[in-house]
Amino acid sequence: MKYTTISADSHIDMTWLPGDLFTSNVSSQWKEAVPKVVETKEGFRWVAEGKELGVVGGMGHGFGAPKRGLSLRTDKMIDVGFYKDGSLGKPHPTTPELRLKDMEMDQIDAEVIYGILATGLRLDNKDLVTIVYQVYNNWISEFCNSYPGRWAGLACIPNHDPEQAAKEVYRASSLGLKGADFDVVTASKDLWDMDWEPLWHALEECKMPVSFHVTGPRGYPLREDLANDSREGLIFIGIRLTLFQSCAAEFLASIILSGALDRHPGLNFVLGEAGAGWLPYTLERMDLEYEDRLQGLNLSMKPSEFWYRQGYTTFQTETTGPKTLDMIGYDNVMWGSDYPHPDGVWPGSQDAISNDMGHLSEDVRDKLIRGNAARLYGFST
């Protein structure tokens, strides 16, 4: 098909998945342990390990139930009827026909879909995390195959054991998934640790780009003791939101200075929902420090050159990144709507593209909203 606009950062969270997905797709020994939907006094909730993992039919991981007044974007999504079908058992994000209608409304031809990686942040049993990710990866493969060419699903990869991570990459590749999503913040080892070598080898061999989607700054966890509408709660939320994307500078420095990209020139990485405006300074800083005191790392190129050869970032709305593309790289940036999260731009993607990128030439804008994602994830015309 012909692609005009591809969202390189869209989502499916557990809140919209079928309630029996995990209990119906695991062996008897895991049925009691896997996430399931239960009815509580506050309504239906996903639970596992005695913990609440989120509301059913909510606004995404880390968000509550939809209601007016939470944000301007939530109100717009309510206005266009996004949530009404969920109450009827047909949530838009996981009902292929409804998701396609939402894409049509937003003039989006295809999407790269990030999944339930954040669920692994809440579960203590790492074997359970692996099982949950495997069930999801099977499911998202089937979902994408329902309308071939419209979605590129990313596999959720366990982050507690390098061998297990590599094993799931090979399995996910055999399912036809187009990339891998890996949580850096809760990983058992630092991203720069040589123990991750089996994972980098598997990704390069399978030609699967790995995404490091931002989940917030390390060492700055959510504070459940602060009410979201209190002064203190608003300050705390504001700090997290301000730092949310720039924390990916750690991921960038880790993967480059580790030498993983030098050892694996076919390995591509994506800073998911990380924005772009902070990159020029960070790349310049790495180069300066490498020349000054890090020569002992014996990289074959300057750090920034690995970025230009193998790195990508995604953004949804900002003016800084598109104005500094000559320093970031025209081939290294991809736009995404963040559908269906309420901090995204759906159903106003075309307005966001026009406002942020209207000053760019047609060929450069095409790279950001279509070409770079099409090349990386194999969307072919």
Protein backbone atom coordinates (compact mmCIF):
# COMPACT_ATOMS: atom_id res chain seq x y z
CA MET A 1 0.00 0.00 0.00
CA LYS A 2 1.01 3.64 -0.29
CA TYR A 3 2.08 5.25 2.97
CA THR A 4 1.85 8.97 3.60
CA THR A 5 2.05 9.12 7.40
CA ILE A 6 3.40 6.46 9.79
CA SER A 7 3.27 6.82 13.56
CA ALA A 8 6.53 5.39 14.91
CA ASP A 9 5.23 5.48 18.48
CA SER A 10 1.76 4.13 19.22
CA HIS A 11 0.60 1.86 22.02
CA ILE A 12 -1.41 -1.05 23.36
CA ASP A 13 -1.56 -1.31 27.16
CA MET A 14 -2.93 -4.03 29.39
CA THR A 15 -5.99 -1.92 30.21
CA TRP A 16 -7.43 -2.69 26.73
CA LEU A 17 -6.47 -6.37 26.41
CA PRO A 18 -9.02 -9.22 26.61
CA GLY A 19 -9.61 -10.04 30.28
CA ASP A 20 -8.89 -13.73 29.83
CA LEU A 21 -5.88 -13.35 27.56
CA PHE A 22 -3.32 -14.65 30.03
CA THR A 23 -5.41 -17.20 31.93
CA SER A 24 -6.49 -18.78 28.63
CA ASN A 25 -3.00 -19.05 27.19
CA VAL A 26 -0.79 -20.48 29.93
CA SER A 27 -0.35 -23.91 31.48
CA SER A 28 -2.23 -24.81 34.65
CA GLN A 29 0.76 -23.99 36.88
CA TRP A 30 0.60 -20.34 35.85
CA LYS A 31 -3.17 -19.71 35.73
CA GLU A 32 -3.40 -18.36 39.26
CA ALA A 33 -0.30 -16.22 38.91
CA VAL A 34 -0.82 -14.41 35.61
CA PRO A 35 -2.67 -11.07 35.38
CA LYS A 36 -6.45 -11.34 35.35
CA VAL A 37 -9.48 -9.08 35.61
CA VAL A 38 -11.38 -8.98 38.90
CA GLU A 39 -14.30 -6.87 40.09
CA THR A 40 -13.58 -4.54 43.00
CA LYS A 41 -15.57 -1.85 44.80
CA GLU A 42 -13.98 0.66 42.46
CA GLY A 43 -14.81 -1.34 39.34
CA PHE A 44 -12.97 -3.88 37.21
CA ARG A 45 -9.21 -4.03 37.69
CA TRP A 46 -6.25 -6.00 36.37
CA VAL A 47 -4.45 -7.76 39.22
CA ALA A 48 -1.51 -10.11 39.76
CA GLU A 49 0.67 -11.01 42.76
CA GLY A 50 -1.92 -9.33 44.96
CA LYS A 51 -1.26 -5.99 43.25
CA GLU A 52 -3.53 -3.80 41.18
CA LEU A 53 -2.02 -3.34 37.71
CA GLY A 54 -4.55 -0.87 36.40
CA VAL A 55 -8.17 -0.19 35.58
CA VAL A 56 -10.00 -1.99 32.77
CA GLY A 57 -10.83 0.36 29.92
CA GLY A 58 -8.63 3.11 31.31
CA MET A 59 -6.37 5.62 29.62
CA GLY A 60 -3.20 3.52 29.55
CA HIS A 61 -0.50 2.34 31.92
CA GLY A 62 -0.02 4.82 34.72
CA PHE A 63 -3.29 6.58 33.91
CA GLY A 64 -6.61 6.09 35.64
CA ALA A 65 -10.17 5.88 34.35
CA PRO A 66 -11.17 8.53 31.79
CA LYS A 67 -13.19 11.50 32.94
CA ARG A 68 -13.60 15.07 31.86
CA GLY A 69 -11.30 17.69 33.27
CA LEU A 70 -8.19 15.54 33.59
CA SER A 71 -6.54 17.13 30.56
CA LEU A 72 -7.46 18.89 27.34
CA ARG A 73 -6.52 15.81 25.30
CA THR A 74 -8.69 13.50 27.42
CA ASP A 75 -11.66 15.78 26.83
CA LYS A 76 -11.05 15.69 23.07
CA MET A 77 -10.85 11.90 23.11
CA ILE A 78 -14.13 11.72 25.02
CA ASP A 79 -15.72 14.14 22.54
CA VAL A 80 -14.92 11.90 19.54
CA GLY A 81 -16.25 8.78 21.30
CA PHE A 82 -12.97 6.97 21.87
CA TYR A 83 -13.98 5.43 25.21
CA LYS A 84 -17.66 4.60 24.62
CA ASP A 85 -17.10 1.29 22.82
CA GLY A 86 -14.79 0.06 25.57
CA SER A 87 -17.71 -0.12 27.95
CA LEU A 88 -19.37 -2.43 25.41
CA GLY A 89 -16.40 -4.80 25.36
CA LYS A 90 -14.82 -3.35 22.21
CA PRO A 91 -11.93 -1.10 23.23
CA HIS A 92 -10.63 0.84 20.24
CA PRO A 93 -6.90 0.04 20.62
CA THR A 94 -7.37 -3.75 20.54
CA THR A 95 -10.32 -4.05 18.17
CA PRO A 96 -8.66 -3.98 14.72
CA GLU A 97 -11.57 -2.41 12.84
CA LEU A 98 -12.06 0.33 15.44
CA ARG A 99 -8.35 1.06 15.60
CA LEU A 100 -8.27 1.42 11.82
CA LYS A 101 -11.17 3.89 12.02
CA ASP A 102 -9.22 5.90 14.60
CA MET A 103 -6.21 5.88 12.28
CA GLU A 104 -8.39 7.01 9.39
CA MET A 105 -9.77 9.85 11.52
CA ASP A 106 -6.18 10.93 12.21
CA GLN A 107 -4.97 10.30 8.63
CA ILE A 108 -2.42 7.73 9.79
CA ASP A 109 -1.64 4.86 7.40
CA ALA A 110 0.43 2.62 9.69
CA GLU A 111 1.73 2.41 13.24
CA VAL A 112 4.62 0.98 15.22
CA ILE A 113 3.01 -0.50 18.34
CA TYR A 114 4.67 -0.51 21.75
CA GLY A 115 3.15 -2.99 24.19
CA ILE A 116 2.82 -3.95 27.85
CA LEU A 117 6.48 -3.63 28.82
CA ALA A 118 5.55 -1.50 31.83
CA THR A 119 3.66 -4.45 33.36
CA GLY A 120 7.01 -6.05 34.03
CA LEU A 121 7.94 -3.11 36.23
CA ARG A 122 5.23 -4.13 38.70
CA LEU A 123 5.76 -7.89 38.89
CA ASP A 124 8.34 -9.43 41.23
CA ASN A 125 8.47 -12.96 39.78
CA LYS A 126 10.72 -12.63 36.74
CA ASP A 127 9.71 -16.02 35.36
CA LEU A 128 6.13 -14.74 35.45
CA VAL A 129 7.22 -11.61 33.57
CA THR A 130 8.72 -13.80 30.84
CA ILE A 131 5.51 -15.83 30.55
CA VAL A 132 3.35 -12.68 30.40
CA TYR A 133 5.54 -11.17 27.69
CA GLN A 134 5.43 -14.39 25.65
CA VAL A 135 1.63 -14.46 25.74
CA TYR A 136 1.46 -10.81 24.73
CA ASN A 137 4.01 -11.26 21.94
CA ASN A 138 1.95 -14.12 20.52
CA TRP A 139 -1.17 -11.99 20.71
CA ILE A 140 0.28 -8.84 19.13
CA SER A 141 1.67 -10.94 16.28
CA GLU A 142 -1.83 -12.21 15.51
CA PHE A 143 -3.27 -8.72 15.90
CA CYS A 144 -0.84 -7.25 13.36
CA ASN A 145 -1.52 -10.10 10.95
CA SER A 146 -5.24 -9.27 10.95
CA TYR A 147 -4.48 -6.37 8.58
CA PRO A 148 -0.98 -6.91 7.15
CA GLY A 149 0.99 -3.78 6.42
CA ARG A 150 -0.87 -1.56 8.87
CA TRP A 151 1.03 -2.33 12.07
CA ALA A 152 4.57 -3.22 13.11
CA GLY A 153 4.43 -4.86 16.52
CA LEU A 154 7.32 -4.62 18.97
CA ALA A 155 8.09 -7.59 21.18
CA CYS A 156 8.31 -7.11 24.93
CA ILE A 157 11.69 -8.47 26.01
CA PRO A 158 12.48 -9.61 29.59
CA ASN A 159 15.25 -7.59 31.19
CA HIS A 160 16.34 -9.79 34.10
CA ASP A 161 18.53 -12.28 32.20
CA PRO A 162 20.54 -11.70 28.99
CA GLU A 163 20.09 -15.27 27.75
CA GLN A 164 16.33 -15.18 28.31
CA ALA A 165 16.20 -11.82 26.55
CA ALA A 166 18.08 -13.17 23.53
CA LYS A 167 15.90 -16.27 23.44
CA GLU A 168 12.73 -14.17 23.28
CA VAL A 169 14.20 -12.03 20.50
CA TYR A 170 14.69 -15.12 18.34
CA ARG A 171 11.18 -16.36 19.15
CA ALA A 172 9.62 -12.97 18.48
CA SER A 173 11.43 -12.73 15.16
CA SER A 174 9.95 -16.06 14.13
CA LEU A 175 6.50 -14.61 14.92
CA GLY A 176 7.07 -11.78 12.46
CA LEU A 177 7.43 -8.99 15.01
CA LYS A 178 9.44 -6.04 13.69
CA GLY A 179 11.37 -4.84 16.72
CA ALA A 180 12.03 -5.30 20.42
CA ASP A 181 11.07 -3.14 23.40
CA PHE A 182 13.43 -3.30 26.39
CA ASP A 183 13.04 -1.52 29.73
CA VAL A 184 16.34 0.00 30.81
CA VAL A 185 15.27 1.47 34.14
CA THR A 186 14.51 -1.83 35.93
CA ALA A 187 17.02 -4.02 34.07
CA SER A 188 19.03 -6.39 36.26
CA LYS A 189 22.28 -4.98 34.87
CA ASP A 190 23.29 -1.59 33.55
CA LEU A 191 22.76 -1.17 29.83
CA TRP A 192 26.51 -0.78 29.27
CA ASP A 193 27.29 -4.13 30.95
CA MET A 194 29.04 -6.67 28.69
CA ASP A 195 26.66 -9.36 29.96
CA TRP A 196 24.04 -8.03 27.51
CA GLU A 197 26.17 -9.18 24.60
CA PRO A 198 23.88 -12.17 23.79
CA LEU A 199 20.96 -9.75 23.41
CA TRP A 200 22.84 -7.41 21.07
CA HIS A 201 23.98 -10.39 18.99
CA ALA A 202 20.44 -11.76 18.70
CA LEU A 203 18.99 -8.38 17.71
CA GLU A 204 21.61 -7.83 15.04
CA GLU A 205 21.21 -11.35 13.67
CA CYS A 206 17.42 -10.99 13.52
CA LYS A 207 17.66 -7.45 12.10
CA MET A 208 15.33 -6.22 14.86
CA PRO A 209 15.82 -2.65 16.14
CA VAL A 210 15.64 -2.37 19.92
CA SER A 211 13.61 0.40 21.54
CA PHE A 212 14.39 1.96 24.89
CA HIS A 213 11.09 3.65 25.64
CA VAL A 214 11.23 6.29 28.35
CA THR A 215 9.36 5.53 31.57
CA GLY A 216 10.62 8.44 33.66
CA PRO A 217 13.88 9.29 35.40
CA ARG A 218 15.64 6.60 37.40
CA GLY A 219 15.63 7.15 41.16
CA TYR A 220 12.52 9.30 40.95
CA PRO A 221 9.60 6.87 41.38
CA LEU A 222 5.93 7.74 41.53
CA ARG A 223 4.73 9.10 44.87
CA GLU A 224 1.40 7.54 45.81
CA ASP A 225 1.33 9.57 49.03
CA LEU A 226 0.83 12.81 47.10
CA ALA A 227 -2.62 13.68 45.78
CA ASN A 228 -2.48 14.56 42.10
CA ASP A 229 -4.56 17.70 42.61
CA SER A 230 -2.57 19.00 45.61
CA ARG A 231 0.12 21.65 45.29
CA GLU A 232 2.83 19.17 46.24
CA GLY A 233 1.42 16.54 43.90
CA LEU A 234 1.32 18.96 40.97
CA ILE A 235 4.93 20.03 41.61
CA PHE A 236 6.05 16.40 41.74
CA ILE A 237 4.16 15.51 38.56
CA GLY A 238 5.54 18.60 36.85
CA ILE A 239 9.13 17.64 37.67
CA ARG A 240 8.65 14.09 36.39
CA LEU A 241 6.99 15.28 33.19
CA THR A 242 9.72 17.86 32.58
CA LEU A 243 12.48 15.25 33.00
CA PHE A 244 10.54 12.42 31.37
CA GLN A 245 12.08 12.52 27.90
CA SER A 246 15.54 13.92 28.58
CA CYS A 247 16.29 10.95 30.87
CA ALA A 248 16.91 9.01 27.65
CA ALA A 249 20.30 10.74 27.50
CA GLU A 250 21.44 8.00 29.89
CA PHE A 251 20.26 5.28 27.48
CA LEU A 252 22.01 7.02 24.59
CA ALA A 253 25.34 7.36 26.37
CA SER A 254 25.15 3.81 27.74
CA ILE A 255 24.57 1.99 24.45
CA ILE A 256 27.20 4.06 22.58
CA LEU A 257 29.98 4.14 25.18
CA SER A 258 29.51 0.43 25.92
CA GLY A 259 30.88 -0.29 22.45
CA ALA A 260 27.85 -2.44 21.59
CA LEU A 261 27.23 -0.47 18.39
CA ASP A 262 30.89 -0.74 17.45
CA ARG A 263 30.83 -4.53 17.87
CA HIS A 264 27.45 -4.82 16.16
CA PRO A 265 27.25 -2.36 13.25
CA GLY A 266 23.93 -3.88 12.18
CA LEU A 267 22.27 -3.14 15.52
CA ASN A 268 19.82 -0.22 15.45
CA PHE A 269 18.30 1.37 18.55
CA VAL A 270 15.37 3.72 19.12
CA LEU A 271 14.83 6.15 21.99
CA GLY A 272 11.07 5.73 22.24
CA GLU A 273 9.03 8.86 23.01
CA ALA A 274 12.25 10.59 24.03
CA GLY A 275 11.88 13.74 21.99
CA ALA A 276 14.72 15.29 20.02
CA GLY A 277 15.60 18.80 21.14
CA TRP A 278 18.05 17.68 23.85
CA LEU A 279 20.14 15.53 21.49
CA PRO A 280 22.54 18.10 19.94
CA TYR A 281 24.05 19.07 23.30
CA THR A 282 24.28 15.46 24.49
CA LEU A 283 26.00 14.29 21.31
CA GLU A 284 28.43 17.21 21.47
CA ARG A 285 29.12 16.50 25.14
CA MET A 286 29.89 12.84 24.49
CA ASP A 287 32.30 13.72 21.70
CA LEU A 288 34.12 16.28 23.84
CA GLU A 289 34.45 13.93 26.81
CA TYR A 290 35.55 11.06 24.60
CA GLU A 291 38.32 13.16 23.10
CA ASP A 292 39.36 14.53 26.51
CA ARG A 293 39.36 11.52 28.83
CA LEU A 294 37.59 8.48 27.35
CA GLN A 295 40.03 7.48 24.61
CA GLY A 296 40.70 4.29 26.56
CA LEU A 297 37.35 2.97 25.36
CA ASN A 298 39.01 2.53 21.95
CA LEU A 299 35.91 3.21 19.87
CA SER A 300 36.44 3.15 16.12
CA MET A 301 34.53 6.43 15.63
CA LYS A 302 33.42 9.44 17.60
CA PRO A 303 30.35 8.69 19.77
CA SER A 304 28.12 10.95 17.68
CA GLU A 305 29.01 9.01 14.54
CA PHE A 306 27.52 5.85 16.01
CA TRP A 307 24.32 7.81 16.62
CA TYR A 308 24.14 8.97 13.02
CA ARG A 309 24.79 5.43 11.78
CA GLN A 310 22.55 3.40 14.11
CA GLY A 311 20.36 5.58 16.35
CA TYR A 312 16.81 6.95 16.19
CA THR A 313 14.49 8.91 18.43
CA THR A 314 10.75 9.53 18.30
CA PHE A 315 8.78 12.65 19.21
CA GLN A 316 5.11 13.58 19.16
CA THR A 317 5.06 17.36 19.41
CA GLU A 318 7.91 19.82 19.89
CA THR A 319 9.42 22.70 17.96
CA THR A 320 13.05 22.41 19.11
CA GLY A 321 13.86 19.08 17.44
CA PRO A 322 12.60 19.97 13.95
CA LYS A 323 14.58 23.25 14.13
CA THR A 324 17.88 21.50 14.92
CA LEU A 325 17.74 18.55 12.52
CA ASP A 326 21.05 19.51 10.94
CA MET A 327 22.69 18.58 14.28
CA ILE A 328 20.43 15.64 15.17
CA GLY A 329 20.36 14.01 11.74
CA TYR A 330 17.61 14.05 9.14
CA ASP A 331 17.61 10.24 9.00
CA ASN A 332 17.56 9.73 12.79
CA VAL A 333 14.21 11.19 13.84
CA MET A 334 10.72 9.68 13.59
CA TRP A 335 7.38 11.22 14.46
CA GLY A 336 4.72 9.34 16.45
CA SER A 337 1.23 10.20 17.66
CA ASP A 338 1.49 8.27 20.96
CA TYR A 339 -2.04 6.94 20.26
CA PRO A 340 -4.05 6.30 22.39
CA HIS A 341 -2.36 7.87 25.41
CA PRO A 342 -3.90 11.12 26.64
CA ASP A 343 -0.50 12.84 26.59
CA GLY A 344 -0.28 12.17 22.85
CA VAL A 345 -1.70 14.14 19.94
CA TRP A 346 -4.48 11.89 18.59
CA PRO A 347 -6.88 12.83 17.05
CA GLY A 348 -5.00 16.03 16.18
CA SER A 349 -1.92 14.49 14.59
CA GLN A 350 -2.12 16.45 11.35
CA ASP A 351 -2.34 19.72 13.26
CA ALA A 352 0.71 18.74 15.32
CA ILE A 353 2.64 17.81 12.16
CA SER A 354 1.70 21.09 10.50
CA ASN A 355 2.51 23.22 13.54
CA ASP A 356 5.85 21.54 14.33
CA MET A 357 7.10 20.66 10.86
CA GLY A 358 5.32 23.01 8.49
CA HIS A 359 8.52 25.00 7.97
CA LEU A 360 10.46 21.96 6.75
CA SER A 361 10.89 21.08 3.09
CA GLU A 362 8.59 18.37 1.79
CA ASP A 363 11.37 15.79 1.47
CA VAL A 364 12.64 16.37 5.02
CA ARG A 365 9.14 16.29 6.49
CA ASP A 366 8.49 13.05 4.61
CA LYS A 367 11.52 11.46 6.28
CA LEU A 368 10.16 12.29 9.73
CA ILE A 369 6.55 11.29 9.24
CA ARG A 370 7.04 8.32 6.92
CA GLY A 371 10.38 7.48 5.33
CA ASN A 372 12.60 6.80 8.34
CA ALA A 373 10.03 4.56 10.03
CA ALA A 374 9.22 2.78 6.76
CA ARG A 375 12.89 1.97 6.23
CA LEU A 376 13.57 0.85 9.82
CA TYR A 377 10.46 -1.31 10.27
CA GLY A 378 10.01 -2.65 6.75
CA PHE A 379 6.82 -0.90 5.64
CA SER A 380 7.01 -1.28 1.88
CA THR A 381 4.93 0.41 -0.82
